[in-house]
C-alpha atoms as a PDB file:
ATOM      1  CA  MET A   1      53.811 -18.550  28.103  1.00  0.00           C
ATOM      2  CA  SER A   2      50.275 -18.067  29.455  1.00  0.00           C
ATOM      3  CA  PHE A   3      48.028 -15.039  29.670  1.00  0.00           C
ATOM      4  CA  ALA A   4      45.210 -14.170  32.036  1.00  0.00           C
ATOM      5  CA  GLY A   5      41.786 -13.895  30.428  1.00  0.00           C
ATOM      6  CA  PRO A   6      40.479 -15.255  27.105  1.00  0.00           C
ATOM      7  CA  SER A   7      43.127 -15.111  24.416  1.00  0.00           C
ATOM      8  CA  SER A   8      44.891 -17.259  21.840  1.00  0.00           C
ATOM      9  CA  ILE A   9      48.460 -17.583  20.633  1.00  0.00           C
ATOM     10  CA  HIS A  10      49.325 -18.543  17.072  1.00  0.00           C
ATOM     11  CA  ASP A  11      52.586 -19.468  15.345  1.00  0.00           C
ATOM     12  CA  ILE A  12      52.478 -17.644  12.004  1.00  0.00           C
ATOM     13  CA  GLN A  13      55.192 -18.761   9.607  1.00  0.00           C
ATOM     14  CA  TYR A  14      56.581 -16.555   6.851  1.00  0.00           C
ATOM     15  CA  TYR A  15      59.698 -17.347   4.776  1.00  0.00           C
ATOM     16  CA  GLY A  16      61.098 -19.485   7.557  1.00  0.00           C
ATOM     17  CA  ASP A  17      60.283 -16.972  10.303  1.00  0.00           C
ATOM     18  CA  HIS A  18      58.052 -17.945  13.226  1.00  0.00           C
ATOM     19  CA  ILE A  19      55.912 -15.010  14.380  1.00  0.00           C
ATOM     20  CA  PHE A  20      54.197 -15.753  17.670  1.00  0.00           C
ATOM     21  CA  THR A  21      50.951 -13.797  17.564  1.00  0.00           C
ATOM     22  CA  THR A  22      48.633 -13.056  20.490  1.00  0.00           C
ATOM     23  CA  VAL A  23      44.958 -12.378  19.822  1.00  0.00           C
ATOM     24  CA  THR A  24      42.969 -10.844  22.692  1.00  0.00           C
ATOM     25  CA  ALA A  25      40.285  -8.358  23.683  1.00  0.00           C
ATOM     26  CA  THR A  26      41.368  -8.168  27.316  1.00  0.00           C
ATOM     27  CA  ALA A  27      43.355  -5.219  28.687  1.00  0.00           C
ATOM     28  CA  ALA A  28      45.104  -7.436  31.247  1.00  0.00           C
ATOM     29  CA  VAL A  29      46.519  -9.614  28.454  1.00  0.00           C
ATOM     30  CA  VAL A  30      47.802  -6.523  26.660  1.00  0.00           C
ATOM     31  CA  ASP A  31      49.493  -5.369  29.874  1.00  0.00           C
ATOM     32  CA  GLU A  32      51.127  -8.765  30.355  1.00  0.00           C
ATOM     33  CA  TRP A  33      52.265  -8.897  26.707  1.00  0.00           C
ATOM     34  CA  ILE A  34      53.910  -5.488  27.079  1.00  0.00           C
ATOM     35  CA  ALA A  35      55.555  -6.505  30.366  1.00  0.00           C
ATOM     36  CA  ASN A  36      56.926  -9.695  28.808  1.00  0.00           C
ATOM     37  CA  THR A  37      58.212  -7.780  25.798  1.00  0.00           C
ATOM     38  CA  MET A  38      59.958  -5.257  28.024  1.00  0.00           C
ATOM     39  CA  HIS A  39      61.512  -8.087  30.040  1.00  0.00           C
ATOM     40  CA  ILE A  40      62.764  -9.970  26.967  1.00  0.00           C
ATOM     41  CA  HIS A  41      64.381  -6.887  25.460  1.00  0.00           C
ATOM     42  CA  LYS A  42      65.546  -5.212  28.645  1.00  0.00           C
ATOM     43  CA  ARG A  43      69.206  -6.037  27.949  1.00  0.00           C
ATOM     44  CA  PRO A  44      70.771  -3.326  25.819  1.00  0.00           C
ATOM     45  CA  SER A  45      72.727  -4.341  22.732  1.00  0.00           C
ATOM     46  CA  SER A  46      75.309  -2.300  20.908  1.00  0.00           C
ATOM     47  CA  ILE A  47      77.247  -2.427  17.650  1.00  0.00           C
ATOM     48  CA  HIS A  48      80.810  -1.158  17.339  1.00  0.00           C
ATOM     49  CA  ASP A  49      83.208  -0.639  14.442  1.00  0.00           C
ATOM     50  CA  ILE A  50      86.546  -1.971  15.698  1.00  0.00           C
ATOM     51  CA  GLN A  51      89.470  -1.064  13.435  1.00  0.00           C
ATOM     52  CA  TYR A  52      92.622  -3.158  13.213  1.00  0.00           C
ATOM     53  CA  TYR A  53      95.341  -2.788  10.544  1.00  0.00           C
ATOM     54  CA  GLY A  54      92.869  -1.364   8.037  1.00  0.00           C
ATOM     55  CA  ASP A  55      90.130  -3.916   8.751  1.00  0.00           C
ATOM     56  CA  HIS A  56      86.742  -2.813  10.067  1.00  0.00           C
ATOM     57  CA  ILE A  57      85.274  -5.459  12.368  1.00  0.00           C
ATOM     58  CA  PHE A  58      81.591  -4.868  13.039  1.00  0.00           C
ATOM     59  CA  THR A  59      81.066  -6.130  16.563  1.00  0.00           C
ATOM     60  CA  THR A  60      77.746  -6.866  18.253  1.00  0.00           C
ATOM     61  CA  VAL A  61      77.693  -6.881  22.066  1.00  0.00           C
ATOM     62  CA  THR A  62      74.593  -8.336  23.688  1.00  0.00           C
ATOM     63  CA  ALA A  63      73.074 -10.376  26.504  1.00  0.00           C
ATOM     64  CA  ALA A  64      69.824 -10.968  24.579  1.00  0.00           C
ATOM     65  CA  ALA A  65      69.167 -14.356  23.002  1.00  0.00           C
ATOM     66  CA  VAL A  66      67.087 -12.819  20.203  1.00  0.00           C
ATOM     67  CA  VAL A  67      70.067 -10.723  19.105  1.00  0.00           C
ATOM     68  CA  VAL A  68      72.240 -13.851  19.029  1.00  0.00           C
ATOM     69  CA  ASP A  69      69.576 -15.548  16.896  1.00  0.00           C
ATOM     70  CA  GLU A  70      69.682 -12.681  14.424  1.00  0.00           C
ATOM     71  CA  TRP A  71      73.497 -12.576  14.302  1.00  0.00           C
ATOM     72  CA  ILE A  72      73.737 -16.310  13.634  1.00  0.00           C
ATOM     73  CA  ALA A  73      70.993 -16.187  10.988  1.00  0.00           C
ATOM     74  CA  ASN A  74      72.777 -13.340   9.195  1.00  0.00           C
ATOM     75  CA  THR A  75      76.103 -15.174   9.422  1.00  0.00           C
ATOM     76  CA  MET A  76      74.629 -18.345   7.935  1.00  0.00           C
ATOM     77  CA  HIS A  77      73.085 -16.329   5.104  1.00  0.00           C
ATOM     78  CA  ILE A  78      76.246 -14.345   4.308  1.00  0.00           C
ATOM     79  CA  HIS A  79      78.434 -17.468   4.234  1.00  0.00           C
ATOM     80  CA  LYS A  80      75.858 -19.907   2.833  1.00  0.00           C
ATOM     81  CA  ARG A  81      78.175 -20.978  -0.001  1.00  0.00           C
ATOM     82  CA  GLU A  82      81.037 -21.934   2.299  1.00  0.00           C
ATOM     83  CA  LEU A  83      79.252 -23.535   5.248  1.00  0.00           C
ATOM     84  CA  SER A  84      80.962 -26.881   4.658  1.00  0.00           C
ATOM     85  CA  GLU A  85      84.385 -25.349   5.382  1.00  0.00           C
ATOM     86  CA  LEU A  86      83.568 -22.380   7.600  1.00  0.00           C
ATOM     87  CA  LEU A  87      86.305 -21.120   9.923  1.00  0.00           C
ATOM     88  CA  ILE A  88      85.188 -19.322  13.088  1.00  0.00           C
ATOM     89  CA  GLY A  89      87.390 -17.509  15.559  1.00  0.00           C
ATOM     90  CA  LEU A  90      86.422 -18.425  19.131  1.00  0.00           C
ATOM     91  CA  ASP A  91      87.547 -17.098  22.489  1.00  0.00           C
ATOM     92  CA  THR A  92      86.127 -16.615  25.975  1.00  0.00           C
ATOM     93  CA  GLU A  93      86.757 -14.267  28.871  1.00  0.00           C
ATOM     94  CA  TRP A  94      86.205 -15.370  32.449  1.00  0.00           C
ATOM     95  CA  CYS A  95      85.066 -13.882  35.726  1.00  0.00           C
ATOM     96  CA  MET A  96      87.589 -13.328  38.481  1.00  0.00           C
ATOM     97  CA  PRO A  97      87.738 -16.311  40.892  1.00  0.00           C
ATOM     98  CA  THR A  98      85.203 -15.910  43.679  1.00  0.00           C
ATOM     99  CA  GLU A  99      84.804 -19.478  44.935  1.00  0.00           C
ATOM    100  CA  PRO A 100      87.193 -21.288  47.342  1.00  0.00           C
ATOM    101  CA  ASP A 101      88.189 -23.761  44.622  1.00  0.00           C
ATOM    102  CA  GLY A 102      89.279 -20.909  42.352  1.00  0.00           C
ATOM    103  CA  HIS A 103      86.641 -21.640  39.714  1.00  0.00           C
ATOM    104  CA  GLN A 104      86.312 -18.893  37.118  1.00  0.00           C
ATOM    105  CA  GLN A 105      82.989 -18.871  35.310  1.00  0.00           C
ATOM    106  CA  VAL A 106      82.890 -17.918  31.644  1.00  0.00           C
ATOM    107  CA  ALA A 107      81.545 -14.370  31.406  1.00  0.00           C
ATOM    108  CA  ILE A 108      81.476 -13.830  27.635  1.00  0.00           C
ATOM    109  CA  ILE A 109      81.971 -15.811  24.453  1.00  0.00           C
ATOM    110  CA  GLN A 110      83.410 -14.179  21.339  1.00  0.00           C
ATOM    111  CA  LEU A 111      82.732 -15.502  17.853  1.00  0.00           C
ATOM    112  CA  CYS A 112      84.182 -14.022  14.675  1.00  0.00           C
ATOM    113  CA  VAL A 113      83.326 -14.878  11.066  1.00  0.00           C
ATOM    114  CA  GLY A 114      84.686 -12.723   8.277  1.00  0.00           C
ATOM    115  CA  LYS A 115      84.638  -9.130   9.490  1.00  0.00           C
ATOM    116  CA  ARG A 116      81.735  -9.669  11.907  1.00  0.00           C
ATOM    117  CA  CYS A 117      82.136 -10.421  15.592  1.00  0.00           C
ATOM    118  CA  LEU A 118      79.652 -11.389  18.294  1.00  0.00           C
ATOM    119  CA  ILE A 119      80.304 -10.812  21.992  1.00  0.00           C
ATOM    120  CA  PHE A 120      77.612 -12.679  23.923  1.00  0.00           C
ATOM    121  CA  GLN A 121      77.454 -11.876  27.642  1.00  0.00           C
ATOM    122  CA  LEU A 122      76.646 -15.359  28.886  1.00  0.00           C
ATOM    123  CA  TYR A 123      76.896 -14.329  32.526  1.00  0.00           C
ATOM    124  CA  HIS A 124      73.963 -11.911  32.096  1.00  0.00           C
ATOM    125  CA  ALA A 125      72.136 -13.713  29.284  1.00  0.00           C
ATOM    126  CA  ASP A 126      68.356 -13.897  29.461  1.00  0.00           C
ATOM    127  CA  ASP A 127      68.516 -17.288  27.757  1.00  0.00           C
ATOM    128  CA  ILE A 128      70.804 -19.628  25.822  1.00  0.00           C
ATOM    129  CA  PRO A 129      69.263 -19.668  22.330  1.00  0.00           C
ATOM    130  CA  PRO A 130      68.962 -23.020  20.515  1.00  0.00           C
ATOM    131  CA  SER A 131      70.541 -21.369  17.481  1.00  0.00           C
ATOM    132  CA  LEU A 132      73.799 -20.956  19.442  1.00  0.00           C
ATOM    133  CA  ILE A 133      73.693 -24.584  20.594  1.00  0.00           C
ATOM    134  CA  GLN A 134      73.260 -25.748  16.993  1.00  0.00           C
ATOM    135  CA  PHE A 135      75.902 -23.334  15.689  1.00  0.00           C
ATOM    136  CA  LEU A 136      78.577 -24.490  18.151  1.00  0.00           C
ATOM    137  CA  GLY A 137      77.575 -28.123  17.694  1.00  0.00           C
ATOM    138  CA  ASN A 138      77.887 -28.121  13.905  1.00  0.00           C
ATOM    139  CA  LYS A 139      80.674 -30.589  13.079  1.00  0.00           C
ATOM    140  CA  LYS A 140      81.237 -28.974   9.675  1.00  0.00           C
ATOM    141  CA  PHE A 141      82.336 -25.713  11.283  1.00  0.00           C
ATOM    142  CA  LYS A 142      85.898 -25.364  12.525  1.00  0.00           C
ATOM    143  CA  PHE A 143      86.292 -23.208  15.648  1.00  0.00           C
ATOM    144  CA  VAL A 144      89.861 -21.940  15.859  1.00  0.00           C
ATOM    145  CA  GLY A 145      91.833 -20.176  18.567  1.00  0.00           C
ATOM    146  CA  LYS A 146      94.724 -20.434  20.996  1.00  0.00           C
ATOM    147  CA  GLY A 147      93.784 -22.799  23.818  1.00  0.00           C
ATOM    148  CA  VAL A 148      90.405 -23.260  22.153  1.00  0.00           C
ATOM    149  CA  ARG A 149      89.979 -26.760  23.592  1.00  0.00           C
ATOM    150  CA  ASN A 150      90.162 -25.294  27.087  1.00  0.00           C
ATOM    151  CA  ASP A 151      87.574 -22.676  26.102  1.00  0.00           C
ATOM    152  CA  ALA A 152      85.321 -25.446  24.807  1.00  0.00           C
ATOM    153  CA  CYS A 153      85.658 -27.389  28.072  1.00  0.00           C
ATOM    154  CA  LYS A 154      84.786 -24.286  30.097  1.00  0.00           C
ATOM    155  CA  LEU A 155      81.721 -23.569  27.961  1.00  0.00           C
ATOM    156  CA  PHE A 156      80.465 -27.095  28.500  1.00  0.00           C
ATOM    157  CA  GLU A 157      81.260 -27.055  32.217  1.00  0.00           C
ATOM    158  CA  ASP A 158      79.559 -23.718  32.898  1.00  0.00           C
ATOM    159  CA  TYR A 159      76.719 -23.654  30.347  1.00  0.00           C
ATOM    160  CA  GLU A 160      76.553 -27.161  28.821  1.00  0.00           C
ATOM    161  CA  LEU A 161      77.462 -25.668  25.448  1.00  0.00           C
ATOM    162  CA  LEU A 162      79.196 -28.268  23.294  1.00  0.00           C
ATOM    163  CA  VAL A 163      81.724 -27.080  20.698  1.00  0.00           C
ATOM    164  CA  ALA A 164      81.888 -29.968  18.234  1.00  0.00           C
ATOM    165  CA  HIS A 165      85.033 -29.174  16.226  1.00  0.00           C
ATOM    166  CA  THR A 166      87.978 -27.162  17.562  1.00  0.00           C
ATOM    167  CA  LYS A 167      91.471 -26.573  16.202  1.00  0.00           C
ATOM    168  CA  ASP A 168      94.229 -25.006  18.287  1.00  0.00           C
ATOM    169  CA  VAL A 169      96.262 -22.544  16.192  1.00  0.00           C
ATOM    170  CA  GLY A 170      99.401 -23.221  18.251  1.00  0.00           C
ATOM    171  CA  TYR A 171      99.342 -26.970  17.568  1.00  0.00           C
ATOM    172  CA  TRP A 172      98.296 -26.287  13.981  1.00  0.00           C
ATOM    173  CA  ALA A 173     101.345 -24.064  13.400  1.00  0.00           C
ATOM    174  CA  ALA A 174     103.648 -26.592  15.110  1.00  0.00           C
ATOM    175  CA  LYS A 175     102.414 -29.342  12.820  1.00  0.00           C
ATOM    176  CA  LYS A 176     102.570 -27.266   9.663  1.00  0.00           C
ATOM    177  CA  TYR A 177     106.056 -25.858  10.247  1.00  0.00           C
ATOM    178  CA  HIS A 178     107.435 -28.891  12.137  1.00  0.00           C
ATOM    179  CA  ASP A 179     108.348 -26.709  15.113  1.00  0.00           C
ATOM    180  CA  ARG A 180     107.054 -27.708  18.547  1.00  0.00           C
ATOM    181  CA  ASP A 181     107.902 -24.293  19.982  1.00  0.00           C
ATOM    182  CA  TYR A 182     104.744 -22.903  18.373  1.00  0.00           C
ATOM    183  CA  ARG A 183     102.715 -24.934  20.856  1.00  0.00           C
ATOM    184  CA  LYS A 184     104.214 -22.905  23.722  1.00  0.00           C
ATOM    185  CA  LEU A 185     103.525 -19.464  22.243  1.00  0.00           C
ATOM    186  CA  GLY A 186     100.596 -17.369  23.382  1.00  0.00           C
ATOM    187  CA  LEU A 187      98.145 -15.662  21.049  1.00  0.00           C
ATOM    188  CA  LYS A 188     100.084 -12.391  21.021  1.00  0.00           C
ATOM    189  CA  ALA A 189     103.354 -14.122  20.063  1.00  0.00           C
ATOM    190  CA  LEU A 190     101.675 -16.234  17.365  1.00  0.00           C
ATOM    191  CA  VAL A 191     100.123 -13.150  15.780  1.00  0.00           C
ATOM    192  CA  LEU A 192     103.477 -11.369  15.773  1.00  0.00           C
ATOM    193  CA  ASP A 193     105.397 -14.342  14.369  1.00  0.00           C
ATOM    194  CA  LEU A 194     102.940 -15.544  11.720  1.00  0.00           C
ATOM    195  CA  LEU A 195     100.951 -12.434  10.786  1.00  0.00           C
ATOM    196  CA  GLN A 196     103.594  -9.789  11.580  1.00  0.00           C
ATOM    197  CA  LYS A 197     100.974  -7.835  13.525  1.00  0.00           C
ATOM    198  CA  VAL A 198     100.809  -6.555  17.075  1.00  0.00           C
ATOM    199  CA  ILE A 199      97.773  -7.206  19.228  1.00  0.00           C
ATOM    200  CA  PRO A 200      97.436  -5.043  22.350  1.00  0.00           C
ATOM    201  CA  LYS A 201      96.962  -6.983  25.581  1.00  0.00           C
ATOM    202  CA  PRO A 202      97.158  -4.536  28.485  1.00  0.00           C
ATOM    203  CA  ARG A 203      97.087  -6.369  31.794  1.00  0.00           C
ATOM    204  CA  GLU A 204      94.493  -4.033  33.289  1.00  0.00           C
ATOM    205  CA  ILE A 205      92.039  -5.118  30.572  1.00  0.00           C
ATOM    206  CA  THR A 206      93.009  -8.787  30.706  1.00  0.00           C
ATOM    207  CA  MET A 207      92.294  -8.844  34.450  1.00  0.00           C
ATOM    208  CA  SER A 208      89.221  -6.594  34.326  1.00  0.00           C
ATOM    209  CA  GLU A 209      85.655  -7.436  35.364  1.00  0.00           C
ATOM    210  CA  TRP A 210      84.343  -9.338  32.370  1.00  0.00           C
ATOM    211  CA  ASN A 211      81.062 -10.033  34.149  1.00  0.00           C
ATOM    212  CA  ALA A 212      80.192  -6.330  34.244  1.00  0.00           C
ATOM    213  CA  LYS A 213      76.708  -5.602  32.884  1.00  0.00           C
ATOM    214  CA  GLU A 214      78.120  -2.981  30.550  1.00  0.00           C
ATOM    215  CA  LEU A 215      81.536  -3.608  29.025  1.00  0.00           C
ATOM    216  CA  THR A 216      83.866  -0.687  28.417  1.00  0.00           C
ATOM    217  CA  ILE A 217      84.990   0.147  24.891  1.00  0.00           C
ATOM    218  CA  GLU A 218      88.471  -1.081  25.856  1.00  0.00           C
ATOM    219  CA  GLN A 219      87.047  -4.459  26.899  1.00  0.00           C
ATOM    220  CA  ILE A 220      84.990  -4.682  23.710  1.00  0.00           C
ATOM    221  CA  GLU A 221      88.025  -3.938  21.535  1.00  0.00           C
ATOM    222  CA  TYR A 222      90.160  -6.453  23.452  1.00  0.00           C
ATOM    223  CA  ALA A 223      87.539  -9.211  23.229  1.00  0.00           C
ATOM    224  CA  CYS A 224      86.815  -8.541  19.564  1.00  0.00           C
ATOM    225  CA  LEU A 225      90.467  -8.637  18.520  1.00  0.00           C
ATOM    226  CA  ASP A 226      91.127 -11.897  20.373  1.00  0.00           C
ATOM    227  CA  ALA A 227      88.468 -13.632  18.273  1.00  0.00           C
ATOM    228  CA  PHE A 228      89.400 -11.786  15.067  1.00  0.00           C
ATOM    229  CA  VAL A 229      93.124 -12.617  15.144  1.00  0.00           C
ATOM    230  CA  SER A 230      92.264 -16.214  16.063  1.00  0.00           C
ATOM    231  CA  LEU A 231      90.267 -16.352  12.842  1.00  0.00           C
ATOM    232  CA  GLU A 232      93.072 -14.659  10.884  1.00  0.00           C
ATOM    233  CA  LEU A 233      95.550 -17.235  12.173  1.00  0.00           C
ATOM    234  CA  GLY A 234      93.191 -20.017  11.138  1.00  0.00           C
ATOM    235  CA  ILE A 235      92.842 -18.573   7.634  1.00  0.00           C
ATOM    236  CA  PHE A 236      96.620 -18.138   7.373  1.00  0.00           C
ATOM    237  CA  LEU A 237      97.379 -21.685   8.526  1.00  0.00           C
ATOM    238  CA  ASN A 238      94.689 -23.142   6.285  1.00  0.00           C
ATOM    239  CA  LYS A 239      96.494 -21.873   3.188  1.00  0.00           C
ATOM    240  CA  PRO A 240      99.235 -23.905   1.466  1.00  0.00           C
ATOM    241  CA  ARG A 241     102.669 -23.223   2.871  1.00  0.00           C
ATOM    242  CA  GLN A 242     104.860 -21.011   0.684  1.00  0.00           C
ATOM    243  CA  GLU A 243     108.621 -21.052   0.428  1.00  0.00           C
ATOM    244  CA  ILE A 244     110.873 -18.594  -1.427  1.00  0.00           C
ATOM    245  CA  ILE A 245     113.485 -20.230  -3.643  1.00  0.00           C
ATOM    246  CA  GLU A 246     116.340 -18.201  -5.139  1.00  0.00           C
ATOM    247  CA  TYR A 247     117.978 -19.713  -8.211  1.00  0.00           C
ATOM    248  CA  PRO A 248     121.764 -19.521  -8.745  1.00  0.00           C
ATOM    249  CA  GLU A 249     123.325 -16.717 -10.753  1.00  0.00           C
ATOM    250  CA  ASN A 250     123.797 -18.919 -13.813  1.00  0.00           C
ATOM    251  CA  THR A 251     120.115 -19.770 -13.998  1.00  0.00           C
ATOM    252  CA  PRO A 252     118.708 -18.334 -17.247  1.00  0.00           C
ATOM    253  CA  SER A 253     115.753 -16.736 -15.498  1.00  0.00           C
ATOM    254  CA  LYS A 254     117.938 -15.082 -12.805  1.00  0.00           C
ATOM    255  CA  LYS A 255     114.978 -14.341 -10.607  1.00  0.00           C
ATOM    256  CA  ILE A 256     113.343 -15.473  -7.402  1.00  0.00           C
ATOM    257  CA  ILE A 257     110.248 -17.592  -7.798  1.00  0.00           C
ATOM    258  CA  HIS A 258     107.663 -18.689  -5.306  1.00  0.00           C
ATOM    259  CA  HIS A 259     107.088 -22.386  -5.043  1.00  0.00           C
ATOM    260  CA  THR A 260     104.003 -23.716  -3.273  1.00  0.00           C
ATOM    261  CA  LEU A 261     104.614 -26.636  -0.950  1.00  0.00           C
ATOM    262  CA  GLU A 262     101.479 -28.532   0.013  1.00  0.00           C
ATOM    263  CA  SER A 263     101.195 -29.683   3.598  1.00  0.00           C
ATOM    264  CA  TYR A 264     100.322 -33.310   2.910  1.00  0.00           C
ATOM    265  CA  ARG A 265      99.849 -34.079   6.589  1.00  0.00           C
ATOM    266  CA  ALA A 266      96.776 -31.868   6.743  1.00  0.00           C
ATOM    267  CA  THR A 267      93.646 -33.867   6.084  1.00  0.00           C
ATOM    268  CA  ASP A 268      92.084 -30.832   4.444  1.00  0.00           C
ATOM    269  CA  ASP A 269      94.640 -31.106   1.620  1.00  0.00           C
ATOM    270  CA  CYS A 270      93.974 -34.763   0.787  1.00  0.00           C
ATOM    271  CA  GLU A 271      91.477 -33.993  -1.963  1.00  0.00           C
ATOM    272  CA  GLN A 272      93.879 -31.575  -3.611  1.00  0.00           C
ATOM    273  CA  LEU A 273      96.668 -34.147  -3.298  1.00  0.00           C
ATOM    274  CA  ASP A 274      94.518 -36.810  -4.922  1.00  0.00           C
ATOM    275  CA  GLU A 275      93.693 -34.466  -7.768  1.00  0.00           C
ATOM    276  CA  GLU A 276      97.340 -33.568  -8.393  1.00  0.00           C
ATOM    277  CA  LEU A 277      98.363 -37.208  -8.366  1.00  0.00           C
ATOM    278  CA  ARG A 278      95.589 -38.183 -10.738  1.00  0.00           C
ATOM    279  CA  GLN A 279      96.657 -35.440 -13.107  1.00  0.00           C
ATOM    280  CA  SER A 280     100.196 -36.833 -13.049  1.00  0.00           C
ATOM    281  CA  PHE A 281      98.860 -40.262 -13.934  1.00  0.00           C
ATOM    282  CA  GLY A 282      96.163 -38.774 -16.144  1.00  0.00           C
ATOM    283  CA  GLU A 283      97.007 -40.498 -19.398  1.00  0.00           C
ATOM    284  CA  PHE A 284      97.525 -43.830 -17.691  1.00  0.00           C
ATOM    285  CA  LYS A 285      94.238 -43.653 -15.790  1.00  0.00           C
ATOM    286  CA  GLU A 286      92.335 -42.678 -18.929  1.00  0.00           C
ATOM    287  CA  ASP A 287      93.802 -45.650 -20.773  1.00  0.00           C
ATOM    288  CA  VAL A 288      92.870 -47.978 -17.942  1.00  0.00           C
ATOM    289  CA  ARG A 289      89.274 -46.730 -17.935  1.00  0.00           C
ATOM    290  CA  ARG A 290      88.968 -47.326 -21.670  1.00  0.00           C
ATOM    291  CA  MET A 291      90.474 -50.809 -21.547  1.00  0.00           C
ATOM    292  CA  LYS A 292      87.980 -53.662 -21.530  1.00  0.00           C
ATOM    293  CA  PRO A 293      88.556 -56.498 -19.069  1.00  0.00           C
ATOM    294  CA  ALA A 294      91.061 -58.829 -20.682  1.00  0.00           C
ATOM    295  CA  ARG A 295      89.008 -61.978 -20.201  1.00  0.00           C
ATOM    296  CA  GLN A 296      85.986 -60.315 -21.779  1.00  0.00           C
ATOM    297  CA  LEU A 297      88.110 -59.377 -24.810  1.00  0.00           C
ATOM    298  CA  VAL A 298      89.177 -63.007 -25.213  1.00  0.00           C
ATOM    299  CA  SER A 299      85.618 -64.302 -25.039  1.00  0.00           C
ATOM    300  CA  GLN A 300      84.436 -61.842 -27.687  1.00  0.00           C
ATOM    301  CA  THR A 301      87.181 -62.545 -30.225  1.00  0.00           C
ATOM    302  CA  SER A 302      88.034 -66.205 -29.702  1.00  0.00           C
ATOM    303  CA  ARG A 303      84.923 -67.793 -31.154  1.00  0.00           C
ATOM    304  CA  LYS A 304      86.284 -67.927 -34.720  1.00  0.00           C
ATOM    305  CA  LYS A 305      89.927 -68.675 -33.834  1.00  0.00           C
ATOM    306  CA  SER A 306      91.823 -71.928 -33.849  1.00  0.00           C
ATOM    307  CA  PRO A 307      92.806 -73.544 -30.513  1.00  0.00           C
ATOM    308  CA  GLU A 308      96.428 -72.414 -30.962  1.00  0.00           C
ATOM    309  CA  THR A 309      95.353 -68.837 -31.668  1.00  0.00           C
ATOM    310  CA  LYS A 310      93.048 -68.908 -28.668  1.00  0.00           C
ATOM    311  CA  LYS A 311      95.915 -69.992 -26.407  1.00  0.00           C
ATOM    312  CA  ARG A 312      98.174 -67.259 -27.777  1.00  0.00           C
ATOM    313  CA  MET A 313      95.477 -64.607 -27.307  1.00  0.00           C
ATOM    314  CA  SER A 314      94.792 -65.884 -23.803  1.00  0.00           C
ATOM    315  CA  ARG A 315      98.482 -65.516 -22.892  1.00  0.00           C
ATOM    316  CA  LYS A 316      98.494 -61.960 -24.294  1.00  0.00           C
ATOM    317  CA  ALA A 317      95.338 -61.152 -22.396  1.00  0.00           C
ATOM    318  CA  ASP A 318      96.873 -62.486 -19.184  1.00  0.00           C
ATOM    319  CA  SER A 319      99.963 -60.350 -19.743  1.00  0.00           C
ATOM    320  CA  ARG A 320      97.842 -57.324 -20.475  1.00  0.00           C
ATOM    321  CA  GLN A 321      95.752 -57.855 -17.348  1.00  0.00           C
ATOM    322  CA  GLU A 322      98.907 -58.276 -15.258  1.00  0.00           C
ATOM    323  CA  LEU A 323     100.198 -54.971 -16.648  1.00  0.00           C
ATOM    324  CA  VAL A 324      96.942 -53.235 -15.768  1.00  0.00           C
ATOM    325  CA  ASP A 325      97.004 -54.714 -12.251  1.00  0.00           C
ATOM    326  CA  GLU A 326     100.629 -53.697 -11.791  1.00  0.00           C
ATOM    327  CA  MET A 327      99.984 -50.112 -12.930  1.00  0.00           C
ATOM    328  CA  ASN A 328      96.950 -49.850 -10.656  1.00  0.00           C
ATOM    329  CA  ALA A 329      99.002 -51.119  -7.729  1.00  0.00           C
ATOM    330  CA  CYS A 330     101.751 -48.629  -8.573  1.00  0.00           C
ATOM    331  CA  PHE A 331      99.223 -45.818  -8.612  1.00  0.00           C
ATOM    332  CA  SER A 332      97.809 -46.858  -5.229  1.00  0.00           C
ATOM    333  CA  ARG A 333     101.277 -47.139  -3.653  1.00  0.00           C
ATOM    334  CA  ALA A 334     102.275 -43.703  -4.930  1.00  0.00           C
ATOM    335  CA  LEU A 335      99.088 -42.183  -3.562  1.00  0.00           C
ATOM    336  CA  GLU A 336      99.582 -43.735  -0.129  1.00  0.00           C
ATOM    337  CA  SER A 337     103.237 -42.674  -0.022  1.00  0.00           C
ATOM    338  CA  LEU A 338     102.426 -39.048  -0.764  1.00  0.00           C
ATOM    339  CA  LYS A 339      99.671 -38.981   1.825  1.00  0.00           C
ATOM    340  CA  LYS A 340     102.168 -40.125   4.478  1.00  0.00           C
ATOM    341  CA  MET A 341     104.697 -37.377   3.640  1.00  0.00           C
END
């Protein structure tokens, strides 16, 4: 940015904020600063309280990069303790095809974290903020949705926005419940089947003009809920699977209990699996840690022994070491077997 007349621009930093400050005594520079400010903030932003099954989803709709910056900064602050495993609902809405090849440009991107949703009007955006590029490109974040890989491809094709880590809720459900039919279900059917909720998808809104400068409240609600239920599905699928087991009549307890079945195929559960297995072998592992290497034990105690005693102790040490090696191998095999379940 440059100004007419003598002036200076300074980057003042305060608690991580960068405040770009113009110093001038020229009226023309003041006029230009005001014009630039009006241009940057000319896109109106709005906040809506979208209600869905008792949840209040505070939704920001904007085409201004500075508003996106603020939303992302607030999101990172609110969820700072869970950034390593953050789930984010992601969806996009497209323009109607206008080109001969039928290409449909992405009009808006919807992001949902917790009970906060962002609808960024990419088609009318004044800029693509670096904060959004970094947010989408963070490999630690998991962006979830139905057909989310296709959304990611479209974002890269139209705006060169790279989504680093996506997870399709349809494939996720198919893998977790061993049912390929989940891969064929749309978002509405997945929400009904897994969450027992209904998400409205009127065709007139689905096929509406998503590149309009001002979205209707119906469009905002539709777009918000798509991202929100995508997140809810991700949270639901990320939890351990639960199965209800009813004991026979002659069981002393005579009641139904809930038994948690871990999905060992999910890589996210590997740490928990390791911990459970180590607890099962807890006493054995503790004994192994406390045991000195057998050869070292022989060397420390054999100095004052007769040759025959030394041979006998050496044989015992060899047997002991073989037992340790065998138990360690057993532990490793059990761990690998459970991980492959």
